[in-house]
Amino acid sequence: MYTLFKILETVQPQSILEFGIGQSSKLTTQYAAYSGNKSLLTIVENDQQWLDVFSPLLPQAENITYLKNDATMIDYKGFQTRCYKDLATNLPPGTFDLIVIDGPKGSPDYSRTDIIDLVKNDRLSSKFVILFDDCDRYRTATDSSRSLRSS
């Protein structure tokens, strides 16, 4: 949370994309609401029940969008990984200068590879920050000696 706070304070992003609604959303929504339309925030969540429970607890503003987007399993480098379904076509147009990745729920291998399509499709501003949450999670309880593979 401190790292995210410092990013918001120093970088002052104008277009934020957040994968997964949760604790970090408390900061990003406050930042966006306080900015008064100087920054746009899109939060993508695949779990409608979690979205219904958590989003009413957060600031609501015209520049904050909550996007329900289903998750699906895809094959990536021979491994099954969970990603957002048709993410590229469901996002608002434009580029992002801050992307916070805390969703969808992780997979044992190559988790959260959604960012690859955003990079390939020029969805990043010329200056950007990508913040991965839980990037040091262990693969399984029995294999705690190595971290998840990254993309």
N, C-alpha and C. Protein backbone atom coordinates (compact mmCIF):
# COMPACT_ATOMS: atom_id res chain seq x y z
N MET A 1 0.83 -1.18 0.00
CA MET A 1 0.00 0.00 0.00
C MET A 1 0.88 1.25 0.00
N TYR A 2 1.99 1.19 0.75
CA TYR A 2 2.88 2.34 0.79
C TYR A 2 3.48 2.59 -0.60
N THR A 3 3.88 1.53 -1.28
CA THR A 3 4.44 1.68 -2.62
C THR A 3 3.42 2.31 -3.56
N LEU A 4 2.19 1.85 -3.50
CA LEU A 4 1.14 2.43 -4.34
C LEU A 4 0.90 3.89 -3.98
N PHE A 5 0.88 4.19 -2.71
CA PHE A 5 0.71 5.58 -2.27
C PHE A 5 1.82 6.47 -2.85
N LYS A 6 3.06 6.02 -2.76
CA LYS A 6 4.19 6.81 -3.28
C LYS A 6 4.10 6.97 -4.80
N ILE A 7 3.65 5.95 -5.50
CA ILE A 7 3.47 6.06 -6.95
C ILE A 7 2.42 7.11 -7.27
N LEU A 8 1.28 7.05 -6.58
CA LEU A 8 0.22 8.04 -6.81
C LEU A 8 0.71 9.45 -6.49
N GLU A 9 1.47 9.58 -5.42
CA GLU A 9 1.95 10.89 -4.99
C GLU A 9 2.99 11.47 -5.94
N THR A 10 3.93 10.66 -6.40
CA THR A 10 5.03 11.18 -7.20
C THR A 10 4.74 11.18 -8.70
N VAL A 11 4.13 10.11 -9.19
CA VAL A 11 3.88 9.99 -10.63
C VAL A 11 2.63 10.79 -11.03
N GLN A 12 1.65 10.83 -10.17
CA GLN A 12 0.37 11.50 -10.42
C GLN A 12 -0.24 11.04 -11.75
N PRO A 13 -0.54 9.74 -11.83
CA PRO A 13 -1.07 9.18 -13.09
C PRO A 13 -2.41 9.78 -13.46
N GLN A 14 -2.63 9.89 -14.76
CA GLN A 14 -3.88 10.45 -15.27
C GLN A 14 -4.82 9.37 -15.79
N SER A 15 -4.31 8.19 -16.05
CA SER A 15 -5.14 7.08 -16.54
C SER A 15 -4.68 5.80 -15.85
N ILE A 16 -5.53 5.27 -14.98
CA ILE A 16 -5.17 4.11 -14.15
C ILE A 16 -6.05 2.93 -14.53
N LEU A 17 -5.43 1.77 -14.64
CA LEU A 17 -6.12 0.52 -14.86
C LEU A 17 -5.77 -0.39 -13.69
N GLU A 18 -6.79 -0.88 -13.01
CA GLU A 18 -6.56 -1.76 -11.86
C GLU A 18 -7.27 -3.08 -12.11
N PHE A 19 -6.49 -4.18 -12.03
CA PHE A 19 -7.06 -5.52 -12.17
C PHE A 19 -7.34 -6.07 -10.79
N GLY A 20 -8.61 -6.31 -10.47
CA GLY A 20 -9.00 -6.87 -9.18
C GLY A 20 -9.34 -5.79 -8.18
N ILE A 21 -10.58 -5.80 -7.70
CA ILE A 21 -11.01 -4.81 -6.72
C ILE A 21 -10.65 -5.33 -5.33
N GLY A 22 -10.11 -4.46 -4.49
CA GLY A 22 -9.71 -4.88 -3.15
C GLY A 22 -9.10 -3.74 -2.37
N GLN A 23 -8.18 -4.07 -1.50
CA GLN A 23 -7.60 -3.07 -0.61
C GLN A 23 -6.90 -1.94 -1.37
N SER A 24 -6.20 -2.26 -2.44
CA SER A 24 -5.53 -1.21 -3.21
C SER A 24 -6.54 -0.26 -3.84
N SER A 25 -7.74 -0.75 -4.08
CA SER A 25 -8.79 0.10 -4.67
C SER A 25 -9.20 1.22 -3.72
N LYS A 26 -9.00 1.03 -2.44
CA LYS A 26 -9.29 2.10 -1.49
C LYS A 26 -8.42 3.32 -1.80
N LEU A 27 -7.17 3.07 -2.13
CA LEU A 27 -6.26 4.17 -2.47
C LEU A 27 -6.53 4.75 -3.85
N THR A 28 -6.67 3.88 -4.84
CA THR A 28 -6.83 4.37 -6.20
C THR A 28 -8.14 5.14 -6.39
N THR A 29 -9.21 4.68 -5.74
CA THR A 29 -10.49 5.40 -5.88
C THR A 29 -10.44 6.75 -5.15
N GLN A 30 -9.79 6.80 -4.00
CA GLN A 30 -9.65 8.08 -3.30
C GLN A 30 -8.83 9.06 -4.13
N TYR A 31 -7.76 8.55 -4.72
CA TYR A 31 -6.91 9.39 -5.57
C TYR A 31 -7.72 9.93 -6.76
N ALA A 32 -8.44 9.05 -7.44
CA ALA A 32 -9.21 9.46 -8.61
C ALA A 32 -10.33 10.43 -8.23
N ALA A 33 -11.04 10.13 -7.15
CA ALA A 33 -12.13 11.02 -6.72
C ALA A 33 -11.59 12.39 -6.34
N TYR A 34 -10.46 12.43 -5.67
CA TYR A 34 -9.85 13.69 -5.26
C TYR A 34 -9.33 14.48 -6.45
N SER A 35 -8.94 13.80 -7.51
CA SER A 35 -8.36 14.49 -8.67
C SER A 35 -9.39 15.29 -9.44
N GLY A 36 -10.67 15.01 -9.22
CA GLY A 36 -11.71 15.77 -9.89
C GLY A 36 -11.65 15.69 -11.40
N ASN A 37 -11.70 14.53 -11.94
CA ASN A 37 -11.67 14.28 -13.39
C ASN A 37 -10.33 14.56 -14.05
N LYS A 38 -9.29 14.82 -13.27
CA LYS A 38 -7.96 14.95 -13.85
C LYS A 38 -7.33 13.58 -14.10
N SER A 39 -7.88 12.56 -13.46
CA SER A 39 -7.41 11.21 -13.72
C SER A 39 -8.61 10.29 -13.88
N LEU A 40 -8.45 9.31 -14.75
CA LEU A 40 -9.49 8.31 -15.00
C LEU A 40 -9.04 6.99 -14.40
N LEU A 41 -9.96 6.29 -13.75
CA LEU A 41 -9.66 5.01 -13.13
C LEU A 41 -10.65 3.97 -13.64
N THR A 42 -10.11 2.86 -14.13
CA THR A 42 -10.92 1.71 -14.51
C THR A 42 -10.49 0.53 -13.66
N ILE A 43 -11.46 -0.05 -12.93
CA ILE A 43 -11.18 -1.23 -12.12
C ILE A 43 -11.89 -2.42 -12.76
N VAL A 44 -11.12 -3.46 -13.09
CA VAL A 44 -11.64 -4.66 -13.73
C VAL A 44 -11.75 -5.76 -12.68
N GLU A 45 -12.92 -6.36 -12.57
CA GLU A 45 -13.15 -7.45 -11.61
C GLU A 45 -13.97 -8.54 -12.28
N ASN A 46 -13.59 -9.81 -12.04
CA ASN A 46 -14.32 -10.92 -12.65
C ASN A 46 -15.39 -11.51 -11.74
N ASP A 47 -15.36 -11.23 -10.46
CA ASP A 47 -16.30 -11.82 -9.51
C ASP A 47 -17.40 -10.81 -9.19
N GLN A 48 -18.59 -11.02 -9.76
CA GLN A 48 -19.69 -10.08 -9.58
C GLN A 48 -20.08 -9.94 -8.11
N GLN A 49 -20.09 -11.03 -7.36
CA GLN A 49 -20.45 -10.96 -5.95
C GLN A 49 -19.47 -10.09 -5.18
N TRP A 50 -18.18 -10.25 -5.42
CA TRP A 50 -17.15 -9.45 -4.75
C TRP A 50 -17.29 -7.98 -5.16
N LEU A 51 -17.55 -7.74 -6.42
CA LEU A 51 -17.76 -6.38 -6.92
C LEU A 51 -18.96 -5.73 -6.23
N ASP A 52 -20.05 -6.49 -6.07
CA ASP A 52 -21.25 -5.97 -5.41
C ASP A 52 -21.01 -5.66 -3.94
N VAL A 53 -20.18 -6.45 -3.29
CA VAL A 53 -19.89 -6.25 -1.87
C VAL A 53 -18.92 -5.09 -1.65
N PHE A 54 -17.87 -5.04 -2.46
CA PHE A 54 -16.76 -4.11 -2.20
C PHE A 54 -16.95 -2.72 -2.81
N SER A 55 -17.49 -2.62 -4.01
CA SER A 55 -17.57 -1.31 -4.67
C SER A 55 -18.40 -0.28 -3.91
N PRO A 56 -19.49 -0.64 -3.21
CA PRO A 56 -20.22 0.39 -2.46
C PRO A 56 -19.42 0.98 -1.30
N LEU A 57 -18.35 0.33 -0.89
CA LEU A 57 -17.52 0.83 0.20
C LEU A 57 -16.50 1.86 -0.27
N LEU A 58 -16.42 2.06 -1.57
CA LEU A 58 -15.41 2.93 -2.17
C LEU A 58 -16.03 4.23 -2.67
N PRO A 59 -15.20 5.26 -2.82
CA PRO A 59 -15.72 6.51 -3.40
C PRO A 59 -16.30 6.27 -4.79
N GLN A 60 -17.37 6.98 -5.08
CA GLN A 60 -18.00 6.92 -6.40
C GLN A 60 -17.81 8.28 -7.07
N ALA A 61 -17.39 8.28 -8.32
CA ALA A 61 -17.20 9.53 -9.06
C ALA A 61 -17.33 9.23 -10.54
N GLU A 62 -17.58 10.28 -11.31
CA GLU A 62 -17.76 10.12 -12.76
C GLU A 62 -16.52 9.58 -13.45
N ASN A 63 -15.36 9.81 -12.88
CA ASN A 63 -14.11 9.38 -13.50
C ASN A 63 -13.65 8.00 -13.03
N ILE A 64 -14.51 7.29 -12.28
CA ILE A 64 -14.20 5.94 -11.81
C ILE A 64 -15.19 4.98 -12.45
N THR A 65 -14.64 3.95 -13.13
CA THR A 65 -15.46 2.95 -13.80
C THR A 65 -15.16 1.58 -13.20
N TYR A 66 -16.21 0.88 -12.82
CA TYR A 66 -16.09 -0.51 -12.36
C TYR A 66 -16.54 -1.39 -13.51
N LEU A 67 -15.64 -2.24 -14.00
CA LEU A 67 -15.90 -3.06 -15.16
C LEU A 67 -15.93 -4.53 -14.76
N LYS A 68 -17.07 -5.17 -14.91
CA LYS A 68 -17.19 -6.62 -14.67
C LYS A 68 -16.72 -7.32 -15.94
N ASN A 69 -15.71 -8.16 -15.80
CA ASN A 69 -15.15 -8.88 -16.94
C ASN A 69 -14.84 -10.31 -16.50
N ASP A 70 -15.48 -11.28 -17.14
CA ASP A 70 -15.28 -12.68 -16.77
C ASP A 70 -13.84 -13.11 -16.94
N ALA A 71 -13.46 -14.11 -16.16
CA ALA A 71 -12.14 -14.73 -16.30
C ALA A 71 -12.30 -16.02 -17.09
N THR A 72 -11.23 -16.42 -17.74
CA THR A 72 -11.22 -17.66 -18.50
C THR A 72 -9.83 -18.26 -18.41
N MET A 73 -9.74 -19.55 -18.69
CA MET A 73 -8.44 -20.22 -18.72
C MET A 73 -7.94 -20.25 -20.16
N ILE A 74 -6.67 -19.92 -20.32
CA ILE A 74 -6.04 -19.99 -21.64
C ILE A 74 -4.76 -20.81 -21.54
N ASP A 75 -4.28 -21.26 -22.69
CA ASP A 75 -3.00 -21.95 -22.74
C ASP A 75 -1.91 -20.91 -22.99
N TYR A 76 -0.92 -20.87 -22.12
CA TYR A 76 0.20 -19.95 -22.30
C TYR A 76 1.49 -20.74 -22.08
N LYS A 77 2.27 -20.89 -23.14
CA LYS A 77 3.53 -21.64 -23.11
C LYS A 77 3.33 -23.05 -22.56
N GLY A 78 2.19 -23.66 -22.93
CA GLY A 78 1.92 -25.03 -22.52
C GLY A 78 1.32 -25.18 -21.14
N PHE A 79 0.99 -24.08 -20.48
CA PHE A 79 0.40 -24.11 -19.15
C PHE A 79 -0.96 -23.42 -19.17
N GLN A 80 -1.89 -23.91 -18.37
CA GLN A 80 -3.19 -23.27 -18.22
C GLN A 80 -3.07 -22.12 -17.23
N THR A 81 -3.50 -20.95 -17.64
CA THR A 81 -3.44 -19.77 -16.78
C THR A 81 -4.75 -19.00 -16.90
N ARG A 82 -5.14 -18.37 -15.81
CA ARG A 82 -6.39 -17.61 -15.76
C ARG A 82 -6.14 -16.18 -16.21
N CYS A 83 -6.98 -15.71 -17.13
CA CYS A 83 -6.90 -14.34 -17.65
C CYS A 83 -8.31 -13.78 -17.77
N TYR A 84 -8.39 -12.48 -18.00
CA TYR A 84 -9.68 -11.87 -18.26
C TYR A 84 -10.09 -12.16 -19.69
N LYS A 85 -11.34 -12.55 -19.89
CA LYS A 85 -11.85 -12.91 -21.20
C LYS A 85 -12.07 -11.65 -22.04
N ASP A 86 -11.54 -11.64 -23.26
CA ASP A 86 -11.73 -10.54 -24.21
C ASP A 86 -11.40 -9.18 -23.60
N LEU A 87 -10.36 -9.13 -22.80
CA LEU A 87 -10.02 -7.90 -22.09
C LEU A 87 -9.76 -6.73 -23.04
N ALA A 88 -9.00 -6.97 -24.09
CA ALA A 88 -8.63 -5.88 -25.00
C ALA A 88 -9.84 -5.17 -25.59
N THR A 89 -10.90 -5.91 -25.87
CA THR A 89 -12.09 -5.30 -26.47
C THR A 89 -13.01 -4.67 -25.43
N ASN A 90 -12.84 -5.00 -24.16
CA ASN A 90 -13.72 -4.48 -23.12
C ASN A 90 -13.18 -3.24 -22.41
N LEU A 91 -11.91 -2.95 -22.57
CA LEU A 91 -11.32 -1.78 -21.91
C LEU A 91 -11.68 -0.49 -22.64
N PRO A 92 -11.73 0.61 -21.91
CA PRO A 92 -11.95 1.89 -22.58
C PRO A 92 -10.76 2.21 -23.50
N PRO A 93 -10.96 3.05 -24.51
CA PRO A 93 -9.85 3.39 -25.41
C PRO A 93 -8.80 4.22 -24.70
N GLY A 94 -7.64 4.26 -25.30
CA GLY A 94 -6.56 5.10 -24.76
C GLY A 94 -5.46 4.28 -24.12
N THR A 95 -4.54 5.00 -23.52
CA THR A 95 -3.38 4.37 -22.87
C THR A 95 -3.48 4.56 -21.36
N PHE A 96 -2.65 3.81 -20.65
CA PHE A 96 -2.63 3.85 -19.20
C PHE A 96 -1.22 4.19 -18.73
N ASP A 97 -1.14 5.05 -17.71
CA ASP A 97 0.19 5.35 -17.17
C ASP A 97 0.42 4.68 -15.81
N LEU A 98 -0.61 4.03 -15.27
CA LEU A 98 -0.44 3.18 -14.09
C LEU A 98 -1.36 1.97 -14.24
N ILE A 99 -0.76 0.78 -14.10
CA ILE A 99 -1.53 -0.45 -14.11
C ILE A 99 -1.20 -1.19 -12.82
N VAL A 100 -2.25 -1.48 -12.05
CA VAL A 100 -2.12 -2.22 -10.80
C VAL A 100 -2.70 -3.61 -11.06
N ILE A 101 -1.89 -4.64 -10.88
CA ILE A 101 -2.32 -5.99 -11.21
C ILE A 101 -2.47 -6.81 -9.93
N ASP A 102 -3.73 -7.07 -9.57
CA ASP A 102 -4.06 -7.90 -8.41
C ASP A 102 -5.22 -8.83 -8.77
N GLY A 103 -5.36 -9.16 -10.01
CA GLY A 103 -6.43 -10.03 -10.46
C GLY A 103 -6.15 -10.41 -11.90
N PRO A 104 -6.82 -11.43 -12.41
CA PRO A 104 -7.74 -12.29 -11.67
C PRO A 104 -6.97 -13.21 -10.73
N LYS A 105 -7.70 -14.04 -10.01
CA LYS A 105 -7.09 -14.99 -9.09
C LYS A 105 -5.96 -15.72 -9.80
N GLY A 106 -4.87 -15.93 -9.09
CA GLY A 106 -3.68 -16.51 -9.68
C GLY A 106 -3.82 -17.95 -10.14
N SER A 107 -2.91 -18.36 -11.00
CA SER A 107 -2.80 -19.72 -11.51
C SER A 107 -1.44 -20.25 -11.09
N PRO A 108 -1.27 -21.59 -11.09
CA PRO A 108 0.01 -22.14 -10.67
C PRO A 108 1.20 -21.71 -11.54
N ASP A 109 0.97 -21.47 -12.83
CA ASP A 109 2.06 -21.12 -13.73
C ASP A 109 1.68 -19.92 -14.59
N TYR A 110 2.61 -19.02 -14.78
CA TYR A 110 2.43 -17.85 -15.65
C TYR A 110 1.16 -17.07 -15.30
N SER A 111 1.00 -16.79 -14.06
CA SER A 111 -0.19 -16.11 -13.59
C SER A 111 -0.22 -14.66 -14.07
N ARG A 112 -1.42 -14.19 -14.35
CA ARG A 112 -1.70 -12.79 -14.67
C ARG A 112 -0.92 -12.29 -15.89
N THR A 113 -1.04 -13.03 -16.97
CA THR A 113 -0.35 -12.66 -18.19
C THR A 113 -1.11 -11.63 -19.02
N ASP A 114 -2.24 -11.14 -18.50
CA ASP A 114 -3.04 -10.15 -19.23
C ASP A 114 -2.21 -8.93 -19.66
N ILE A 115 -1.23 -8.60 -18.88
CA ILE A 115 -0.42 -7.40 -19.15
C ILE A 115 0.31 -7.51 -20.49
N ILE A 116 0.60 -8.72 -20.93
CA ILE A 116 1.34 -8.90 -22.18
C ILE A 116 0.60 -8.28 -23.35
N ASP A 117 -0.71 -8.53 -23.45
CA ASP A 117 -1.50 -7.96 -24.55
C ASP A 117 -1.54 -6.44 -24.49
N LEU A 118 -1.57 -5.88 -23.28
CA LEU A 118 -1.59 -4.42 -23.16
C LEU A 118 -0.28 -3.82 -23.66
N VAL A 119 0.83 -4.48 -23.38
CA VAL A 119 2.13 -4.00 -23.84
C VAL A 119 2.23 -4.14 -25.36
N LYS A 120 1.81 -5.30 -25.87
CA LYS A 120 1.89 -5.55 -27.32
C LYS A 120 1.00 -4.61 -28.12
N ASN A 121 -0.10 -4.19 -27.54
CA ASN A 121 -1.08 -3.38 -28.27
C ASN A 121 -0.97 -1.89 -27.99
N ASP A 122 0.19 -1.44 -27.54
CA ASP A 122 0.44 -0.01 -27.32
C ASP A 122 -0.59 0.64 -26.41
N ARG A 123 -0.95 -0.02 -25.31
CA ARG A 123 -1.92 0.53 -24.37
C ARG A 123 -1.23 1.24 -23.20
N LEU A 124 0.11 1.35 -23.25
CA LEU A 124 0.86 2.03 -22.20
C LEU A 124 1.25 3.42 -22.66
N SER A 125 1.15 4.38 -21.75
CA SER A 125 1.61 5.75 -22.04
C SER A 125 3.12 5.74 -22.24
N SER A 126 3.66 6.85 -22.73
CA SER A 126 5.10 6.90 -22.95
C SER A 126 5.88 6.77 -21.63
N LYS A 127 5.30 7.22 -20.53
CA LYS A 127 5.86 7.01 -19.19
C LYS A 127 4.79 6.27 -18.39
N PHE A 128 5.16 5.11 -17.82
CA PHE A 128 4.16 4.29 -17.14
C PHE A 128 4.79 3.54 -15.97
N VAL A 129 3.92 3.05 -15.10
CA VAL A 129 4.30 2.20 -13.98
C VAL A 129 3.37 1.00 -13.99
N ILE A 130 3.94 -0.18 -13.80
CA ILE A 130 3.15 -1.40 -13.64
C ILE A 130 3.48 -1.95 -12.26
N LEU A 131 2.45 -2.13 -11.44
CA LEU A 131 2.62 -2.64 -10.08
C LEU A 131 1.95 -4.00 -9.97
N PHE A 132 2.76 -5.05 -9.73
CA PHE A 132 2.24 -6.40 -9.54
C PHE A 132 2.06 -6.66 -8.05
N ASP A 133 0.87 -7.08 -7.64
CA ASP A 133 0.64 -7.48 -6.27
C ASP A 133 0.84 -8.99 -6.18
N ASP A 134 1.35 -9.45 -5.07
CA ASP A 134 1.54 -10.89 -4.82
C ASP A 134 2.46 -11.55 -5.83
N CYS A 135 3.43 -10.84 -6.36
CA CYS A 135 4.31 -11.45 -7.37
C CYS A 135 5.27 -12.46 -6.77
N ASP A 136 5.39 -12.48 -5.45
CA ASP A 136 6.31 -13.41 -4.82
C ASP A 136 5.60 -14.61 -4.19
N ARG A 137 4.34 -14.86 -4.60
CA ARG A 137 3.62 -16.01 -4.08
C ARG A 137 4.34 -17.29 -4.46
N TYR A 138 4.28 -18.26 -3.57
CA TYR A 138 4.88 -19.55 -3.87
C TYR A 138 3.95 -20.37 -4.74
N ARG A 139 4.55 -21.21 -5.54
CA ARG A 139 3.80 -22.01 -6.51
C ARG A 139 2.82 -22.94 -5.82
N THR A 140 3.27 -23.77 -4.90
CA THR A 140 2.39 -24.65 -4.14
C THR A 140 2.92 -24.75 -2.72
N ALA A 141 2.10 -25.30 -1.83
CA ALA A 141 2.52 -25.46 -0.44
C ALA A 141 3.69 -26.43 -0.33
N THR A 142 3.76 -27.40 -1.24
CA THR A 142 4.83 -28.39 -1.19
C THR A 142 6.08 -27.94 -1.93
N ASP A 143 5.96 -26.90 -2.71
CA ASP A 143 7.11 -26.42 -3.49
C ASP A 143 7.36 -24.95 -3.16
N SER A 144 7.67 -24.68 -1.90
CA SER A 144 7.84 -23.30 -1.46
C SER A 144 9.22 -22.74 -1.76
N SER A 145 10.06 -23.51 -2.45
CA SER A 145 11.40 -23.05 -2.74
C SER A 145 11.50 -22.18 -3.97
N ARG A 146 10.43 -22.15 -4.78
CA ARG A 146 10.52 -21.31 -5.98
C ARG A 146 9.22 -20.54 -6.16
N SER A 147 9.35 -19.37 -6.69
CA SER A 147 8.20 -18.50 -6.91
C SER A 147 7.49 -18.87 -8.19
N LEU A 148 6.32 -18.29 -8.38
CA LEU A 148 5.59 -18.46 -9.63
C LEU A 148 6.42 -18.00 -10.80
N ARG A 149 6.23 -18.65 -11.91
CA ARG A 149 6.89 -18.16 -13.12
C ARG A 149 6.27 -16.82 -13.46
N SER A 150 7.06 -15.94 -13.96
CA SER A 150 6.52 -14.65 -14.41
C SER A 150 6.49 -14.64 -15.92
N SER A 151 5.71 -13.72 -16.45
CA SER A 151 5.60 -13.63 -17.90
C SER A 151 6.76 -12.92 -18.40
